[in-house]
PDB file of N, CA and C in Angstrom:
ATOM      1  N   MET A   1      12.082  39.084 -12.879  1.00  0.00           N
ATOM      2  CA  MET A   1      11.776  37.686 -12.704  1.00  0.00           C
ATOM      3  C   MET A   1      10.261  37.526 -12.656  1.00  0.00           C
ATOM      4  N   ALA A   2       9.740  36.584 -13.432  1.00  0.00           N
ATOM      5  CA  ALA A   2       8.296  36.346 -13.482  1.00  0.00           C
ATOM      6  C   ALA A   2       7.832  35.676 -12.203  1.00  0.00           C
ATOM      7  N   LYS A   3       6.648  36.063 -11.752  1.00  0.00           N
ATOM      8  CA  LYS A   3       6.082  35.494 -10.538  1.00  0.00           C
ATOM      9  C   LYS A   3       5.369  34.184 -10.879  1.00  0.00           C
ATOM     10  N   SER A   4       5.584  33.181 -10.039  1.00  0.00           N
ATOM     11  CA  SER A   4       4.955  31.889 -10.236  1.00  0.00           C
ATOM     12  C   SER A   4       3.456  32.011 -10.019  1.00  0.00           C
ATOM     13  N   PRO A   5       2.628  31.362 -10.871  1.00  0.00           N
ATOM     14  CA  PRO A   5       1.178  31.450 -10.720  1.00  0.00           C
ATOM     15  C   PRO A   5       0.663  30.702  -9.486  1.00  0.00           C
ATOM     16  N   VAL A   6       1.461  29.795  -8.887  1.00  0.00           N
ATOM     17  CA  VAL A   6       1.041  29.039  -7.715  1.00  0.00           C
ATOM     18  C   VAL A   6       1.973  29.386  -6.557  1.00  0.00           C
ATOM     19  N   SER A   7       1.406  29.773  -5.424  1.00  0.00           N
ATOM     20  CA  SER A   7       2.235  30.128  -4.274  1.00  0.00           C
ATOM     21  C   SER A   7       2.823  28.865  -3.657  1.00  0.00           C
ATOM     22  N   LEU A   8       3.930  29.009  -2.992  1.00  0.00           N
ATOM     23  CA  LEU A   8       4.604  27.884  -2.356  1.00  0.00           C
ATOM     24  C   LEU A   8       3.723  27.225  -1.296  1.00  0.00           C
ATOM     25  N   PRO A   9       3.043  27.967  -0.404  1.00  0.00           N
ATOM     26  CA  PRO A   9       2.160  27.301   0.565  1.00  0.00           C
ATOM     27  C   PRO A   9       1.038  26.504  -0.107  1.00  0.00           C
ATOM     28  N   LEU A  10       0.504  27.015  -1.207  1.00  0.00           N
ATOM     29  CA  LEU A  10      -0.547  26.302  -1.923  1.00  0.00           C
ATOM     30  C   LEU A  10       0.009  25.025  -2.542  1.00  0.00           C
ATOM     31  N   LEU A  11       1.212  25.102  -3.053  1.00  0.00           N
ATOM     32  CA  LEU A  11       1.849  23.928  -3.634  1.00  0.00           C
ATOM     33  C   LEU A  11       2.051  22.843  -2.571  1.00  0.00           C
ATOM     34  N   TYR A  12       2.532  23.222  -1.381  1.00  0.00           N
ATOM     35  CA  TYR A  12       2.684  22.266  -0.284  1.00  0.00           C
ATOM     36  C   TYR A  12       1.347  21.651   0.102  1.00  0.00           C
ATOM     37  N   PHE A  13       0.310  22.475   0.154  1.00  0.00           N
ATOM     38  CA  PHE A  13      -1.020  21.986   0.508  1.00  0.00           C
ATOM     39  C   PHE A  13      -1.508  20.964  -0.514  1.00  0.00           C
ATOM     40  N   LEU A  14      -1.338  21.255  -1.790  1.00  0.00           N
ATOM     41  CA  LEU A  14      -1.774  20.334  -2.835  1.00  0.00           C
ATOM     42  C   LEU A  14      -0.979  19.030  -2.795  1.00  0.00           C
ATOM     43  N   LEU A  15       0.299  19.132  -2.519  1.00  0.00           N
ATOM     44  CA  LEU A  15       1.129  17.937  -2.408  1.00  0.00           C
ATOM     45  C   LEU A  15       0.671  17.075  -1.235  1.00  0.00           C
ATOM     46  N   LEU A  16       0.433  17.701  -0.091  1.00  0.00           N
ATOM     47  CA  LEU A  16      -0.056  16.976   1.082  1.00  0.00           C
ATOM     48  C   LEU A  16      -1.409  16.347   0.803  1.00  0.00           C
ATOM     49  N   LEU A  17      -2.287  17.073   0.148  1.00  0.00           N
ATOM     50  CA  LEU A  17      -3.612  16.571  -0.185  1.00  0.00           C
ATOM     51  C   LEU A  17      -3.512  15.353  -1.102  1.00  0.00           C
ATOM     52  N   SER A  18      -2.586  15.389  -2.052  1.00  0.00           N
ATOM     53  CA  SER A  18      -2.456  14.266  -2.980  1.00  0.00           C
ATOM     54  C   SER A  18      -2.022  13.002  -2.254  1.00  0.00           C
ATOM     55  N   PHE A  19      -1.150  13.112  -1.250  1.00  0.00           N
ATOM     56  CA  PHE A  19      -0.728  11.935  -0.495  1.00  0.00           C
ATOM     57  C   PHE A  19      -1.854  11.406   0.373  1.00  0.00           C
ATOM     58  N   ASN A  20      -2.659  12.270   0.921  1.00  0.00           N
ATOM     59  CA  ASN A  20      -3.740  11.850   1.800  1.00  0.00           C
ATOM     60  C   ASN A  20      -4.978  11.394   1.051  1.00  0.00           C
ATOM     61  N   SER A  21      -5.038  11.618  -0.241  1.00  0.00           N
ATOM     62  CA  SER A  21      -6.231  11.252  -0.992  1.00  0.00           C
ATOM     63  C   SER A  21      -6.128   9.888  -1.659  1.00  0.00           C
ATOM     64  N   GLY A  22      -5.051   9.164  -1.379  1.00  0.00           N
ATOM     65  CA  GLY A  22      -4.932   7.821  -1.925  1.00  0.00           C
ATOM     66  C   GLY A  22      -4.169   7.751  -3.238  1.00  0.00           C
ATOM     67  N   ILE A  23      -3.651   8.869  -3.702  1.00  0.00           N
ATOM     68  CA  ILE A  23      -2.843   8.842  -4.914  1.00  0.00           C
ATOM     69  C   ILE A  23      -1.494   8.238  -4.547  1.00  0.00           C
ATOM     70  N   LEU A  24      -1.073   7.230  -5.271  1.00  0.00           N
ATOM     71  CA  LEU A  24       0.137   6.502  -4.950  1.00  0.00           C
ATOM     72  C   LEU A  24       1.265   6.879  -5.892  1.00  0.00           C
ATOM     73  N   LEU A  25       2.473   6.898  -5.369  1.00  0.00           N
ATOM     74  CA  LEU A  25       3.632   7.075  -6.227  1.00  0.00           C
ATOM     75  C   LEU A  25       3.815   5.800  -7.019  1.00  0.00           C
ATOM     76  N   LYS A  26       4.141   5.925  -8.268  1.00  0.00           N
ATOM     77  CA  LYS A  26       4.272   4.760  -9.133  1.00  0.00           C
ATOM     78  C   LYS A  26       5.693   4.646  -9.654  1.00  0.00           C
ATOM     79  N   LEU A  27       6.061   3.436 -10.001  1.00  0.00           N
ATOM     80  CA  LEU A  27       7.341   3.187 -10.628  1.00  0.00           C
ATOM     81  C   LEU A  27       7.317   3.742 -12.044  1.00  0.00           C
ATOM     82  N   ALA A  28       8.474   3.786 -12.675  1.00  0.00           N
ATOM     83  CA  ALA A  28       8.572   4.328 -14.032  1.00  0.00           C
ATOM     84  C   ALA A  28       7.659   3.605 -15.010  1.00  0.00           C
ATOM     85  N   ASN A  29       7.409   2.313 -14.792  1.00  0.00           N
ATOM     86  CA  ASN A  29       6.560   1.560 -15.706  1.00  0.00           C
ATOM     87  C   ASN A  29       5.078   1.686 -15.352  1.00  0.00           C
ATOM     88  N   GLY A  30       4.742   2.547 -14.390  1.00  0.00           N
ATOM     89  CA  GLY A  30       3.351   2.787 -14.043  1.00  0.00           C
ATOM     90  C   GLY A  30       2.797   1.875 -12.964  1.00  0.00           C
ATOM     91  N   GLN A  31       3.593   0.949 -12.457  1.00  0.00           N
ATOM     92  CA  GLN A  31       3.122   0.038 -11.423  1.00  0.00           C
ATOM     93  C   GLN A  31       3.423   0.599 -10.037  1.00  0.00           C
ATOM     94  N   VAL A  32       2.531   0.344  -9.113  1.00  0.00           N
ATOM     95  CA  VAL A  32       2.748   0.703  -7.721  1.00  0.00           C
ATOM     96  C   VAL A  32       3.666  -0.352  -7.110  1.00  0.00           C
ATOM     97  N   LYS A  33       4.681   0.054  -6.370  1.00  0.00           N
ATOM     98  CA  LYS A  33       5.596  -0.892  -5.731  1.00  0.00           C
ATOM     99  C   LYS A  33       4.870  -1.582  -4.583  1.00  0.00           C
ATOM    100  N   LYS A  34       4.975  -2.899  -4.529  1.00  0.00           N
ATOM    101  CA  LYS A  34       4.300  -3.690  -3.504  1.00  0.00           C
ATOM    102  C   LYS A  34       5.251  -4.718  -2.924  1.00  0.00           C
ATOM    103  N   TRP A  35       4.985  -5.088  -1.662  1.00  0.00           N
ATOM    104  CA  TRP A  35       5.751  -6.101  -0.970  1.00  0.00           C
ATOM    105  C   TRP A  35       4.795  -7.071  -0.304  1.00  0.00           C
ATOM    106  N   CYS A  36       5.273  -8.257  -0.018  1.00  0.00           N
ATOM    107  CA  CYS A  36       4.490  -9.270   0.685  1.00  0.00           C
ATOM    108  C   CYS A  36       5.099  -9.482   2.061  1.00  0.00           C
ATOM    109  N   VAL A  37       4.270  -9.409   3.090  1.00  0.00           N
ATOM    110  CA  VAL A  37       4.717  -9.642   4.461  1.00  0.00           C
ATOM    111  C   VAL A  37       3.740 -10.583   5.152  1.00  0.00           C
ATOM    112  N   ALA A  38       4.156 -11.117   6.285  1.00  0.00           N
ATOM    113  CA  ALA A  38       3.292 -11.989   7.073  1.00  0.00           C
ATOM    114  C   ALA A  38       2.292 -11.142   7.854  1.00  0.00           C
ATOM    115  N   LYS A  39       1.057 -11.623   7.931  1.00  0.00           N
ATOM    116  CA  LYS A  39       0.054 -10.952   8.756  1.00  0.00           C
ATOM    117  C   LYS A  39       0.495 -11.042  10.218  1.00  0.00           C
ATOM    118  N   PRO A  40       0.368  -9.953  10.950  1.00  0.00           N
ATOM    119  CA  PRO A  40       0.783  -9.962  12.360  1.00  0.00           C
ATOM    120  C   PRO A  40       0.059 -10.999  13.214  1.00  0.00           C
ATOM    121  N   SER A  41      -1.119 -11.398  12.819  1.00  0.00           N
ATOM    122  CA  SER A  41      -1.899 -12.359  13.604  1.00  0.00           C
ATOM    123  C   SER A  41      -1.528 -13.821  13.333  1.00  0.00           C
ATOM    124  N   THR A  42      -0.587 -14.065  12.452  1.00  0.00           N
ATOM    125  CA  THR A  42      -0.224 -15.429  12.070  1.00  0.00           C
ATOM    126  C   THR A  42       0.525 -16.131  13.210  1.00  0.00           C
ATOM    127  N   ASP A  43       0.143 -17.369  13.500  1.00  0.00           N
ATOM    128  CA  ASP A  43       0.800 -18.100  14.585  1.00  0.00           C
ATOM    129  C   ASP A  43       2.164 -18.623  14.130  1.00  0.00           C
ATOM    130  N   ASP A  44       3.014 -18.937  15.112  1.00  0.00           N
ATOM    131  CA  ASP A  44       4.392 -19.348  14.828  1.00  0.00           C
ATOM    132  C   ASP A  44       4.478 -20.592  13.954  1.00  0.00           C
ATOM    133  N   LYS A  45       3.577 -21.549  14.144  1.00  0.00           N
ATOM    134  CA  LYS A  45       3.595 -22.777  13.341  1.00  0.00           C
ATOM    135  C   LYS A  45       3.415 -22.445  11.857  1.00  0.00           C
ATOM    136  N   ALA A  46       2.479 -21.567  11.546  1.00  0.00           N
ATOM    137  CA  ALA A  46       2.248 -21.160  10.157  1.00  0.00           C
ATOM    138  C   ALA A  46       3.432 -20.356   9.624  1.00  0.00           C
ATOM    139  N   LEU A  47       4.029 -19.517  10.467  1.00  0.00           N
ATOM    140  CA  LEU A  47       5.193 -18.731  10.030  1.00  0.00           C
ATOM    141  C   LEU A  47       6.364 -19.634   9.678  1.00  0.00           C
ATOM    142  N   VAL A  48       6.615 -20.656  10.501  1.00  0.00           N
ATOM    143  CA  VAL A  48       7.698 -21.609  10.223  1.00  0.00           C
ATOM    144  C   VAL A  48       7.407 -22.359   8.922  1.00  0.00           C
ATOM    145  N   SER A  49       6.161 -22.741   8.723  1.00  0.00           N
ATOM    146  CA  SER A  49       5.767 -23.407   7.485  1.00  0.00           C
ATOM    147  C   SER A  49       6.012 -22.489   6.287  1.00  0.00           C
ATOM    148  N   ASN A  50       5.679 -21.215   6.427  1.00  0.00           N
ATOM    149  CA  ASN A  50       5.901 -20.249   5.349  1.00  0.00           C
ATOM    150  C   ASN A  50       7.391 -20.083   5.055  1.00  0.00           C
ATOM    151  N   ILE A  51       8.200 -20.017   6.104  1.00  0.00           N
ATOM    152  CA  ILE A  51       9.655 -19.893   5.922  1.00  0.00           C
ATOM    153  C   ILE A  51      10.180 -21.093   5.147  1.00  0.00           C
ATOM    154  N   ASN A  52       9.793 -22.290   5.569  1.00  0.00           N
ATOM    155  CA  ASN A  52      10.273 -23.507   4.904  1.00  0.00           C
ATOM    156  C   ASN A  52       9.828 -23.563   3.449  1.00  0.00           C
ATOM    157  N   TYR A  53       8.567 -23.261   3.194  1.00  0.00           N
ATOM    158  CA  TYR A  53       8.043 -23.318   1.833  1.00  0.00           C
ATOM    159  C   TYR A  53       8.725 -22.270   0.939  1.00  0.00           C
ATOM    160  N   ALA A  54       8.766 -21.029   1.412  1.00  0.00           N
ATOM    161  CA  ALA A  54       9.338 -19.952   0.585  1.00  0.00           C
ATOM    162  C   ALA A  54      10.808 -20.212   0.298  1.00  0.00           C
ATOM    163  N   CYS A  55      11.563 -20.651   1.298  1.00  0.00           N
ATOM    164  CA  CYS A  55      12.985 -20.918   1.079  1.00  0.00           C
ATOM    165  C   CYS A  55      13.194 -22.070   0.103  1.00  0.00           C
ATOM    166  N   GLU A  56      12.374 -23.093   0.223  1.00  0.00           N
ATOM    167  CA  GLU A  56      12.458 -24.221  -0.708  1.00  0.00           C
ATOM    168  C   GLU A  56      12.166 -23.763  -2.134  1.00  0.00           C
ATOM    169  N   GLN A  57      11.132 -22.969  -2.296  1.00  0.00           N
ATOM    170  CA  GLN A  57      10.724 -22.531  -3.629  1.00  0.00           C
ATOM    171  C   GLN A  57      11.704 -21.546  -4.247  1.00  0.00           C
ATOM    172  N   VAL A  58      12.214 -20.584  -3.481  1.00  0.00           N
ATOM    173  CA  VAL A  58      13.178 -19.647  -4.073  1.00  0.00           C
ATOM    174  C   VAL A  58      14.495 -20.353  -4.352  1.00  0.00           C
ATOM    175  N   GLY A  59      14.778 -21.425  -3.596  1.00  0.00           N
ATOM    176  CA  GLY A  59      15.968 -22.225  -3.865  1.00  0.00           C
ATOM    177  C   GLY A  59      15.921 -22.867  -5.240  1.00  0.00           C
ATOM    178  N   ILE A  60      14.739 -23.305  -5.632  1.00  0.00           N
ATOM    179  CA  ILE A  60      14.542 -23.892  -6.956  1.00  0.00           C
ATOM    180  C   ILE A  60      14.840 -22.865  -8.053  1.00  0.00           C
ATOM    181  N   LEU A  61      14.567 -21.591  -7.755  1.00  0.00           N
ATOM    182  CA  LEU A  61      14.795 -20.516  -8.725  1.00  0.00           C
ATOM    183  C   LEU A  61      16.232 -19.993  -8.700  1.00  0.00           C
ATOM    184  N   GLY A  62      17.070 -20.595  -7.857  1.00  0.00           N
ATOM    185  CA  GLY A  62      18.474 -20.195  -7.803  1.00  0.00           C
ATOM    186  C   GLY A  62      18.774 -19.136  -6.760  1.00  0.00           C
ATOM    187  N   PHE A  63      17.814 -18.821  -5.896  1.00  0.00           N
ATOM    188  CA  PHE A  63      18.034 -17.860  -4.820  1.00  0.00           C
ATOM    189  C   PHE A  63      18.234 -18.635  -3.528  1.00  0.00           C
ATOM    190  N   ASN A  64      18.488 -17.928  -2.443  1.00  0.00           N
ATOM    191  CA  ASN A  64      18.588 -18.604  -1.153  1.00  0.00           C
ATOM    192  C   ASN A  64      18.009 -17.714  -0.068  1.00  0.00           C
ATOM    193  N   CYS A  65      17.994 -18.227   1.128  1.00  0.00           N
ATOM    194  CA  CYS A  65      17.433 -17.489   2.266  1.00  0.00           C
ATOM    195  C   CYS A  65      18.523 -17.060   3.232  1.00  0.00           C
ATOM    196  N   SER A  66      19.690 -16.760   2.720  1.00  0.00           N
ATOM    197  CA  SER A  66      20.822 -16.382   3.575  1.00  0.00           C
ATOM    198  C   SER A  66      20.549 -15.091   4.347  1.00  0.00           C
ATOM    199  N   GLN A  67      19.617 -14.273   3.868  1.00  0.00           N
ATOM    200  CA  GLN A  67      19.343 -13.009   4.553  1.00  0.00           C
ATOM    201  C   GLN A  67      18.768 -13.222   5.956  1.00  0.00           C
ATOM    202  N   ILE A  68      18.176 -14.393   6.234  1.00  0.00           N
ATOM    203  CA  ILE A  68      17.599 -14.637   7.560  1.00  0.00           C
ATOM    204  C   ILE A  68      18.460 -15.570   8.405  1.00  0.00           C
ATOM    205  N   GLN A  69      19.630 -15.948   7.892  1.00  0.00           N
ATOM    206  CA  GLN A  69      20.564 -16.781   8.651  1.00  0.00           C
ATOM    207  C   GLN A  69      21.414 -15.880   9.553  1.00  0.00           C
ATOM    208  N   PRO A  70      22.000 -16.420  10.636  1.00  0.00           N
ATOM    209  CA  PRO A  70      22.869 -15.590  11.491  1.00  0.00           C
ATOM    210  C   PRO A  70      23.904 -14.835  10.651  1.00  0.00           C
ATOM    211  N   GLY A  71      23.998 -13.551  10.881  1.00  0.00           N
ATOM    212  CA  GLY A  71      24.903 -12.694  10.113  1.00  0.00           C
ATOM    213  C   GLY A  71      24.266 -12.099   8.873  1.00  0.00           C
ATOM    214  N   GLY A  72      23.074 -12.596   8.493  1.00  0.00           N
ATOM    215  CA  GLY A  72      22.377 -12.069   7.319  1.00  0.00           C
ATOM    216  C   GLY A  72      21.746 -10.712   7.605  1.00  0.00           C
ATOM    217  N   ALA A  73      21.495  -9.963   6.565  1.00  0.00           N
ATOM    218  CA  ALA A  73      20.973  -8.601   6.704  1.00  0.00           C
ATOM    219  C   ALA A  73      19.620  -8.541   7.402  1.00  0.00           C
ATOM    220  N   CYS A  74      18.824  -9.608   7.306  1.00  0.00           N
ATOM    221  CA  CYS A  74      17.482  -9.615   7.898  1.00  0.00           C
ATOM    222  C   CYS A  74      17.357 -10.581   9.075  1.00  0.00           C
ATOM    223  N   TYR A  75      18.490 -11.003   9.627  1.00  0.00           N
ATOM    224  CA  TYR A  75      18.449 -11.942  10.755  1.00  0.00           C
ATOM    225  C   TYR A  75      17.850 -11.290  12.005  1.00  0.00           C
ATOM    226  N   ASP A  76      18.274 -10.069  12.291  1.00  0.00           N
ATOM    227  CA  ASP A  76      17.754  -9.348  13.467  1.00  0.00           C
ATOM    228  C   ASP A  76      16.631  -8.415  13.056  1.00  0.00           C
ATOM    229  N   PRO A  77      15.559  -8.357  13.801  1.00  0.00           N
ATOM    230  CA  PRO A  77      15.319  -9.141  15.007  1.00  0.00           C
ATOM    231  C   PRO A  77      15.028 -10.599  14.653  1.00  0.00           C
ATOM    232  N   ASN A  78      15.534 -11.479  15.485  1.00  0.00           N
ATOM    233  CA  ASN A  78      15.428 -12.922  15.267  1.00  0.00           C
ATOM    234  C   ASN A  78      14.052 -13.404  15.718  1.00  0.00           C
ATOM    235  N   THR A  79      13.050 -13.113  14.896  1.00  0.00           N
ATOM    236  CA  THR A  79      11.675 -13.533  15.193  1.00  0.00           C
ATOM    237  C   THR A  79      11.097 -14.230  13.967  1.00  0.00           C
ATOM    238  N   TYR A  80      10.154 -15.116  14.213  1.00  0.00           N
ATOM    239  CA  TYR A  80       9.516 -15.815  13.100  1.00  0.00           C
ATOM    240  C   TYR A  80       8.824 -14.849  12.151  1.00  0.00           C
ATOM    241  N   ILE A  81       8.150 -13.848  12.680  1.00  0.00           N
ATOM    242  CA  ILE A  81       7.390 -12.958  11.799  1.00  0.00           C
ATOM    243  C   ILE A  81       8.312 -12.138  10.901  1.00  0.00           C
ATOM    244  N   ASN A  82       9.450 -11.695  11.418  1.00  0.00           N
ATOM    245  CA  ASN A  82      10.378 -10.940  10.574  1.00  0.00           C
ATOM    246  C   ASN A  82      11.048 -11.826   9.548  1.00  0.00           C
ATOM    247  N   HIS A  83      11.447 -13.024   9.956  1.00  0.00           N
ATOM    248  CA  HIS A  83      12.075 -13.944   9.011  1.00  0.00           C
ATOM    249  C   HIS A  83      11.076 -14.378   7.935  1.00  0.00           C
ATOM    250  N   ALA A  84       9.858 -14.707   8.360  1.00  0.00           N
ATOM    251  CA  ALA A  84       8.837 -15.114   7.390  1.00  0.00           C
ATOM    252  C   ALA A  84       8.533 -13.992   6.410  1.00  0.00           C
ATOM    253  N   SER A  85       8.395 -12.780   6.907  1.00  0.00           N
ATOM    254  CA  SER A  85       8.095 -11.649   6.021  1.00  0.00           C
ATOM    255  C   SER A  85       9.180 -11.472   4.976  1.00  0.00           C
ATOM    256  N   SER A  86      10.427 -11.592   5.393  1.00  0.00           N
ATOM    257  CA  SER A  86      11.541 -11.423   4.461  1.00  0.00           C
ATOM    258  C   SER A  86      11.509 -12.465   3.345  1.00  0.00           C
ATOM    259  N   VAL A  87      11.361 -13.737   3.707  1.00  0.00           N
ATOM    260  CA  VAL A  87      11.406 -14.785   2.676  1.00  0.00           C
ATOM    261  C   VAL A  87      10.093 -14.879   1.896  1.00  0.00           C
ATOM    262  N   MET A  88       8.973 -14.539   2.533  1.00  0.00           N
ATOM    263  CA  MET A  88       7.706 -14.500   1.793  1.00  0.00           C
ATOM    264  C   MET A  88       7.781 -13.428   0.706  1.00  0.00           C
ATOM    265  N   ASN A  89       8.402 -12.301   1.024  1.00  0.00           N
ATOM    266  CA  ASN A  89       8.558 -11.254   0.019  1.00  0.00           C
ATOM    267  C   ASN A  89       9.510 -11.704  -1.087  1.00  0.00           C
ATOM    268  N   SER A  90      10.581 -12.407  -0.725  1.00  0.00           N
ATOM    269  CA  SER A  90      11.501 -12.924  -1.749  1.00  0.00           C
ATOM    270  C   SER A  90      10.749 -13.831  -2.721  1.00  0.00           C
ATOM    271  N   TYR A  91       9.921 -14.700  -2.180  1.00  0.00           N
ATOM    272  CA  TYR A  91       9.114 -15.606  -3.008  1.00  0.00           C
ATOM    273  C   TYR A  91       8.159 -14.803  -3.891  1.00  0.00           C
ATOM    274  N   TYR A  92       7.466 -13.849  -3.307  1.00  0.00           N
ATOM    275  CA  TYR A  92       6.506 -13.005  -4.024  1.00  0.00           C
ATOM    276  C   TYR A  92       7.197 -12.245  -5.163  1.00  0.00           C
ATOM    277  N   GLN A  93       8.336 -11.643  -4.879  1.00  0.00           N
ATOM    278  CA  GLN A  93       9.064 -10.884  -5.900  1.00  0.00           C
ATOM    279  C   GLN A  93       9.593 -11.805  -6.998  1.00  0.00           C
ATOM    280  N   ALA A  94      10.137 -12.961  -6.609  1.00  0.00           N
ATOM    281  CA  ALA A  94      10.716 -13.902  -7.580  1.00  0.00           C
ATOM    282  C   ALA A  94       9.666 -14.505  -8.504  1.00  0.00           C
ATOM    283  N   ASN A  95       8.415 -14.495  -8.073  1.00  0.00           N
ATOM    284  CA  ASN A  95       7.338 -15.087  -8.861  1.00  0.00           C
ATOM    285  C   ASN A  95       6.420 -14.046  -9.498  1.00  0.00           C
ATOM    286  N   GLY A  96       6.962 -12.880  -9.761  1.00  0.00           N
ATOM    287  CA  GLY A  96       6.252 -11.891 -10.562  1.00  0.00           C
ATOM    288  C   GLY A  96       5.287 -10.978  -9.828  1.00  0.00           C
ATOM    289  N   ARG A  97       5.344 -10.941  -8.498  1.00  0.00           N
ATOM    290  CA  ARG A  97       4.499 -10.034  -7.708  1.00  0.00           C
ATOM    291  C   ARG A  97       3.011 -10.191  -8.021  1.00  0.00           C
ATOM    292  N   GLN A  98       2.580 -11.423  -8.191  1.00  0.00           N
ATOM    293  CA  GLN A  98       1.170 -11.710  -8.400  1.00  0.00           C
ATOM    294  C   GLN A  98       0.512 -11.908  -7.035  1.00  0.00           C
ATOM    295  N   GLU A  99      -0.706 -11.401  -6.867  1.00  0.00           N
ATOM    296  CA  GLU A  99      -1.379 -11.480  -5.567  1.00  0.00           C
ATOM    297  C   GLU A  99      -1.416 -12.888  -4.998  1.00  0.00           C
ATOM    298  N   HIS A 100      -1.693 -13.869  -5.834  1.00  0.00           N
ATOM    299  CA  HIS A 100      -1.792 -15.243  -5.329  1.00  0.00           C
ATOM    300  C   HIS A 100      -0.462 -15.764  -4.790  1.00  0.00           C
ATOM    301  N   ASN A 101       0.646 -15.128  -5.162  1.00  0.00           N
ATOM    302  CA  ASN A 101       1.954 -15.535  -4.646  1.00  0.00           C
ATOM    303  C   ASN A 101       2.240 -14.964  -3.259  1.00  0.00           C
ATOM    304  N   CYS A 102       1.266 -14.265  -2.699  1.00  0.00           N
ATOM    305  CA  CYS A 102       1.396 -13.752  -1.332  1.00  0.00           C
ATOM    306  C   CYS A 102       0.278 -14.297  -0.444  1.00  0.00           C
ATOM    307  N   ASN A 103      -0.349 -15.372  -0.857  1.00  0.00           N
ATOM    308  CA  ASN A 103      -1.452 -15.905  -0.060  1.00  0.00           C
ATOM    309  C   ASN A 103      -0.948 -16.655   1.164  1.00  0.00           C
ATOM    310  N   PHE A 104      -0.083 -17.619   0.962  1.00  0.00           N
ATOM    311  CA  PHE A 104       0.470 -18.427   2.050  1.00  0.00           C
ATOM    312  C   PHE A 104      -0.643 -18.896   2.997  1.00  0.00           C
ATOM    313  N   GLN A 105      -1.635 -19.531   2.417  1.00  0.00           N
ATOM    314  CA  GLN A 105      -2.788 -20.065   3.142  1.00  0.00           C
ATOM    315  C   GLN A 105      -3.458 -18.995   4.007  1.00  0.00           C
ATOM    316  N   GLY A 106      -3.550 -17.806   3.436  1.00  0.00           N
ATOM    317  CA  GLY A 106      -4.235 -16.703   4.109  1.00  0.00           C
ATOM    318  C   GLY A 106      -3.388 -15.938   5.105  1.00  0.00           C
ATOM    319  N   SER A 107      -2.095 -16.241   5.197  1.00  0.00           N
ATOM    320  CA  SER A 107      -1.258 -15.563   6.185  1.00  0.00           C
ATOM    321  C   SER A 107      -0.366 -14.481   5.599  1.00  0.00           C
ATOM    322  N   GLY A 108      -0.495 -14.235   4.283  1.00  0.00           N
ATOM    323  CA  GLY A 108       0.285 -13.191   3.644  1.00  0.00           C
ATOM    324  C   GLY A 108      -0.518 -11.915   3.472  1.00  0.00           C
ATOM    325  N   LEU A 109       0.184 -10.812   3.423  1.00  0.00           N
ATOM    326  CA  LEU A 109      -0.442  -9.501   3.314  1.00  0.00           C
ATOM    327  C   LEU A 109       0.373  -8.661   2.346  1.00  0.00           C
ATOM    328  N   ILE A 110      -0.265  -8.088   1.338  1.00  0.00           N
ATOM    329  CA  ILE A 110       0.428  -7.201   0.403  1.00  0.00           C
ATOM    330  C   ILE A 110       0.363  -5.788   0.961  1.00  0.00           C
ATOM    331  N   THR A 111       1.520  -5.122   0.960  1.00  0.00           N
ATOM    332  CA  THR A 111       1.601  -3.765   1.470  1.00  0.00           C
ATOM    333  C   THR A 111       2.250  -2.853   0.436  1.00  0.00           C
ATOM    334  N   ILE A 112       1.901  -1.575   0.493  1.00  0.00           N
ATOM    335  CA  ILE A 112       2.540  -0.577  -0.364  1.00  0.00           C
ATOM    336  C   ILE A 112       3.529   0.266   0.446  1.00  0.00           C
ATOM    337  N   SER A 113       3.682  -0.074   1.734  1.00  0.00           N
ATOM    338  CA  SER A 113       4.668   0.584   2.591  1.00  0.00           C
ATOM    339  C   SER A 113       5.917  -0.281   2.635  1.00  0.00           C
ATOM    340  N   ASP A 114       7.039   0.286   2.261  1.00  0.00           N
ATOM    341  CA  ASP A 114       8.295  -0.463   2.210  1.00  0.00           C
ATOM    342  C   ASP A 114       8.644  -0.998   3.603  1.00  0.00           C
ATOM    343  N   PRO A 115       8.707  -2.322   3.768  1.00  0.00           N
ATOM    344  CA  PRO A 115       9.005  -2.908   5.082  1.00  0.00           C
ATOM    345  C   PRO A 115      10.503  -2.966   5.398  1.00  0.00           C
ATOM    346  N   SER A 116      11.343  -2.444   4.533  1.00  0.00           N
ATOM    347  CA  SER A 116      12.796  -2.459   4.766  1.00  0.00           C
ATOM    348  C   SER A 116      13.143  -1.739   6.067  1.00  0.00           C
ATOM    349  N   TYR A 117      14.209  -2.201   6.711  1.00  0.00           N
ATOM    350  CA  TYR A 117      14.688  -1.557   7.937  1.00  0.00           C
ATOM    351  C   TYR A 117      16.181  -1.782   8.039  1.00  0.00           C
ATOM    352  N   GLY A 118      16.900  -0.802   8.519  1.00  0.00           N
ATOM    353  CA  GLY A 118      18.357  -0.916   8.672  1.00  0.00           C
ATOM    354  C   GLY A 118      19.001  -1.473   7.423  1.00  0.00           C
ATOM    355  N   ASN A 119      19.810  -2.537   7.593  1.00  0.00           N
ATOM    356  CA  ASN A 119      20.465  -3.191   6.458  1.00  0.00           C
ATOM    357  C   ASN A 119      19.576  -4.180   5.740  1.00  0.00           C
ATOM    358  N   CYS A 120      18.404  -4.450   6.304  1.00  0.00           N
ATOM    359  CA  CYS A 120      17.471  -5.419   5.692  1.00  0.00           C
ATOM    360  C   CYS A 120      16.622  -4.684   4.655  1.00  0.00           C
ATOM    361  N   GLN A 121      17.001  -4.859   3.414  1.00  0.00           N
ATOM    362  CA  GLN A 121      16.307  -4.189   2.313  1.00  0.00           C
ATOM    363  C   GLN A 121      15.422  -5.182   1.562  1.00  0.00           C
ATOM    364  N   TYR A 122      14.150  -4.849   1.472  1.00  0.00           N
ATOM    365  CA  TYR A 122      13.204  -5.683   0.729  1.00  0.00           C
ATOM    366  C   TYR A 122      13.228  -5.226  -0.724  1.00  0.00           C
ATOM    367  N   PRO A 123      13.460  -6.169  -1.652  1.00  0.00           N
ATOM    368  CA  PRO A 123      13.502  -5.767  -3.079  1.00  0.00           C
ATOM    369  C   PRO A 123      12.149  -5.336  -3.597  1.00  0.00           C
TER     370      PRO A 123
END
């Protein structure tokens, strides 16, 4: 059996280094997966406004906000920031994942860390 030119510990080190150096995993089409969430510093009034706006707009596109209604996958925890993040991301995804679609008057934040949790899956 031929010996591999790269040792296993070296391979692990290089893999770890690549993650820590800012190299991002990309989708098959070469794009980095991104999500839109509410900034943690956003006040409740702005979050409610974001929920209302995003739900209204995705409704026009034939989607709904049932995921944040009682019994929905993203209802718990029942907080404005979690509900807003879920529907803001729905709006962002439905509108082509363009940066300006995550502005929400400065209260949106684009992340490359998947915000999904439990049964609440962010597309």
